Amino acid sequence: MFFGCGEYASKQWAYGPSISLTFLTVGLYALATLAWLPALLHNNHLAVMGTAWLLLATVATVSIGIVAFHERVSGIKIIGIVFSVLSLVLLSL
């Protein structure tokens, strides 16, 4: 959740950079990083947890881009997202 909010704030920063948006974005990303530590404690398999974390970040980023900023995702990019989900499934076996 913090990462997704950081992505939104960073896009807003790109539209109009300001010191307050800079601190907000960095703070949200820092909270997202701190949330990683308990997640890693819960499941100490770095390859699977790292891939899951990155996959969730990718889904959050793509979703925010599509819903909030009306960005388009090409067919080839959708295929890439599907393969990333498949990689998590294969790593979990």
C-alpha atoms as a PDB file:
ATOM      1  CA  MET A   1       0.000   0.000   0.000  1.00  0.00           C
ATOM      2  CA  PHE A   2       2.811   2.428   0.893  1.00  0.00           C
ATOM      3  CA  PHE A   3       4.597   1.605  -2.348  1.00  0.00           C
ATOM      4  CA  GLY A   4       1.465   2.244  -4.402  1.00  0.00           C
ATOM      5  CA  CYS A   5       0.938   5.578  -2.665  1.00  0.00           C
ATOM      6  CA  GLY A   6       4.602   6.388  -3.308  1.00  0.00           C
ATOM      7  CA  GLU A   7       4.102   5.653  -6.999  1.00  0.00           C
ATOM      8  CA  TYR A   8       1.095   7.970  -7.102  1.00  0.00           C
ATOM      9  CA  ALA A   9       2.985  10.714  -5.261  1.00  0.00           C
ATOM     10  CA  SER A  10       5.997  10.354  -7.561  1.00  0.00           C
ATOM     11  CA  LYS A  11       3.803  10.749 -10.646  1.00  0.00           C
ATOM     12  CA  GLN A  12       2.257  13.856  -9.092  1.00  0.00           C
ATOM     13  CA  TRP A  13       5.784  15.106  -8.398  1.00  0.00           C
ATOM     14  CA  ALA A  14       6.640  14.580 -12.079  1.00  0.00           C
ATOM     15  CA  TYR A  15       3.721  16.824 -13.044  1.00  0.00           C
ATOM     16  CA  GLY A  16       4.851  19.581 -10.688  1.00  0.00           C
ATOM     17  CA  PRO A  17       7.988  19.046  -8.579  1.00  0.00           C
ATOM     18  CA  SER A  18       7.904  20.508  -5.095  1.00  0.00           C
ATOM     19  CA  ILE A  19       9.828  19.967  -1.899  1.00  0.00           C
ATOM     20  CA  SER A  20       6.706  18.749  -0.055  1.00  0.00           C
ATOM     21  CA  LEU A  21       5.972  16.130  -2.723  1.00  0.00           C
ATOM     22  CA  THR A  22       9.618  15.096  -2.638  1.00  0.00           C
ATOM     23  CA  PHE A  23       9.487  14.440   1.105  1.00  0.00           C
ATOM     24  CA  LEU A  24       6.084  12.742   0.827  1.00  0.00           C
ATOM     25  CA  THR A  25       7.317  10.426  -1.923  1.00  0.00           C
ATOM     26  CA  VAL A  26      10.543   9.531  -0.132  1.00  0.00           C
ATOM     27  CA  GLY A  27       8.637   8.968   3.116  1.00  0.00           C
ATOM     28  CA  LEU A  28       6.121   6.642   1.462  1.00  0.00           C
ATOM     29  CA  TYR A  29       8.873   4.641  -0.229  1.00  0.00           C
ATOM     30  CA  ALA A  30      10.729   4.422   3.107  1.00  0.00           C
ATOM     31  CA  LEU A  31       7.609   3.059   4.812  1.00  0.00           C
ATOM     32  CA  ALA A  32       7.238   0.535   1.999  1.00  0.00           C
ATOM     33  CA  THR A  33      10.820  -0.588   2.541  1.00  0.00           C
ATOM     34  CA  LEU A  34      10.246  -0.940   6.284  1.00  0.00           C
ATOM     35  CA  ALA A  35       7.180  -3.096   5.566  1.00  0.00           C
ATOM     36  CA  TRP A  36       9.477  -5.516   3.724  1.00  0.00           C
ATOM     37  CA  LEU A  37      11.262  -6.571   6.908  1.00  0.00           C
ATOM     38  CA  PRO A  38       8.273  -8.160   8.708  1.00  0.00           C
ATOM     39  CA  ALA A  39       7.227  -9.789   5.439  1.00  0.00           C
ATOM     40  CA  LEU A  40      10.650 -11.390   5.158  1.00  0.00           C
ATOM     41  CA  LEU A  41      10.441 -12.591   8.762  1.00  0.00           C
ATOM     42  CA  HIS A  42       7.111 -14.244   8.006  1.00  0.00           C
ATOM     43  CA  ASN A  43       8.488 -16.231   5.066  1.00  0.00           C
ATOM     44  CA  ASN A  44      12.276 -16.421   5.008  1.00  0.00           C
ATOM     45  CA  HIS A  45      12.572 -17.528   1.369  1.00  0.00           C
ATOM     46  CA  LEU A  46      14.226 -14.547  -0.265  1.00  0.00           C
ATOM     47  CA  ALA A  47      13.738 -15.658  -3.884  1.00  0.00           C
ATOM     48  CA  VAL A  48      10.000 -16.192  -3.496  1.00  0.00           C
ATOM     49  CA  MET A  49       9.364 -13.229  -1.200  1.00  0.00           C
ATOM     50  CA  GLY A  50      11.456 -10.871  -3.326  1.00  0.00           C
ATOM     51  CA  THR A  51       9.639 -11.934  -6.470  1.00  0.00           C
ATOM     52  CA  ALA A  52       6.235 -11.623  -4.775  1.00  0.00           C
ATOM     53  CA  TRP A  53       7.155  -8.176  -3.453  1.00  0.00           C
ATOM     54  CA  LEU A  54       8.280  -6.996  -6.887  1.00  0.00           C
ATOM     55  CA  LEU A  55       5.222  -8.505  -8.529  1.00  0.00           C
ATOM     56  CA  LEU A  56       2.889  -6.711  -6.117  1.00  0.00           C
ATOM     57  CA  ALA A  57       4.795  -3.486  -6.783  1.00  0.00           C
ATOM     58  CA  THR A  58       4.433  -4.018 -10.536  1.00  0.00           C
ATOM     59  CA  VAL A  59       0.707  -4.700 -10.277  1.00  0.00           C
ATOM     60  CA  ALA A  60       0.257  -1.629  -8.056  1.00  0.00           C
ATOM     61  CA  THR A  61       2.221   0.565 -10.454  1.00  0.00           C
ATOM     62  CA  VAL A  62       0.367  -0.653 -13.538  1.00  0.00           C
ATOM     63  CA  SER A  63      -3.004  -0.357 -11.793  1.00  0.00           C
ATOM     64  CA  ILE A  64      -2.330   3.198 -10.641  1.00  0.00           C
ATOM     65  CA  GLY A  65      -1.120   4.147 -14.110  1.00  0.00           C
ATOM     66  CA  ILE A  66      -4.242   2.747 -15.749  1.00  0.00           C
ATOM     67  CA  VAL A  67      -6.871   3.832 -13.208  1.00  0.00           C
ATOM     68  CA  ALA A  68      -5.553   7.135 -11.857  1.00  0.00           C
ATOM     69  CA  PHE A  69      -3.601   8.471 -14.827  1.00  0.00           C
ATOM     70  CA  HIS A  70      -5.429   6.778 -17.745  1.00  0.00           C
ATOM     71  CA  GLU A  71      -2.242   5.301 -19.190  1.00  0.00           C
ATOM     72  CA  ARG A  72      -2.454   2.560 -21.785  1.00  0.00           C
ATOM     73  CA  VAL A  73      -0.748  -0.830 -21.458  1.00  0.00           C
ATOM     74  CA  SER A  74       0.174  -2.565 -24.703  1.00  0.00           C
ATOM     75  CA  GLY A  75      -0.451  -6.222 -25.380  1.00  0.00           C
ATOM     76  CA  ILE A  76       3.246  -7.070 -25.120  1.00  0.00           C
ATOM     77  CA  LYS A  77       3.411  -5.439 -21.685  1.00  0.00           C
ATOM     78  CA  ILE A  78       0.388  -7.445 -20.537  1.00  0.00           C
ATOM     79  CA  ILE A  79       2.180 -10.601 -21.685  1.00  0.00           C
ATOM     80  CA  GLY A  80       5.198  -9.528 -19.612  1.00  0.00           C
ATOM     81  CA  ILE A  81       2.996  -9.099 -16.531  1.00  0.00           C
ATOM     82  CA  VAL A  82       1.475 -12.545 -17.092  1.00  0.00           C
ATOM     83  CA  PHE A  83       4.967 -14.053 -17.301  1.00  0.00           C
ATOM     84  CA  SER A  84       5.933 -12.335 -14.055  1.00  0.00           C
ATOM     85  CA  VAL A  85       2.943 -13.935 -12.342  1.00  0.00           C
ATOM     86  CA  LEU A  86       3.949 -17.282 -13.840  1.00  0.00           C
ATOM     87  CA  SER A  87       7.476 -16.827 -12.466  1.00  0.00           C
ATOM     88  CA  LEU A  88       6.086 -16.419  -8.961  1.00  0.00           C
ATOM     89  CA  VAL A  89       4.022 -19.582  -9.339  1.00  0.00           C
ATOM     90  CA  LEU A  90       7.065 -21.530 -10.536  1.00  0.00           C
ATOM     91  CA  LEU A  91       9.268 -20.170  -7.721  1.00  0.00           C
ATOM     92  CA  SER A  92       6.662 -21.191  -5.160  1.00  0.00           C
ATOM     93  CA  LEU A  93       6.726 -24.867  -6.201  1.00  0.00           C
END
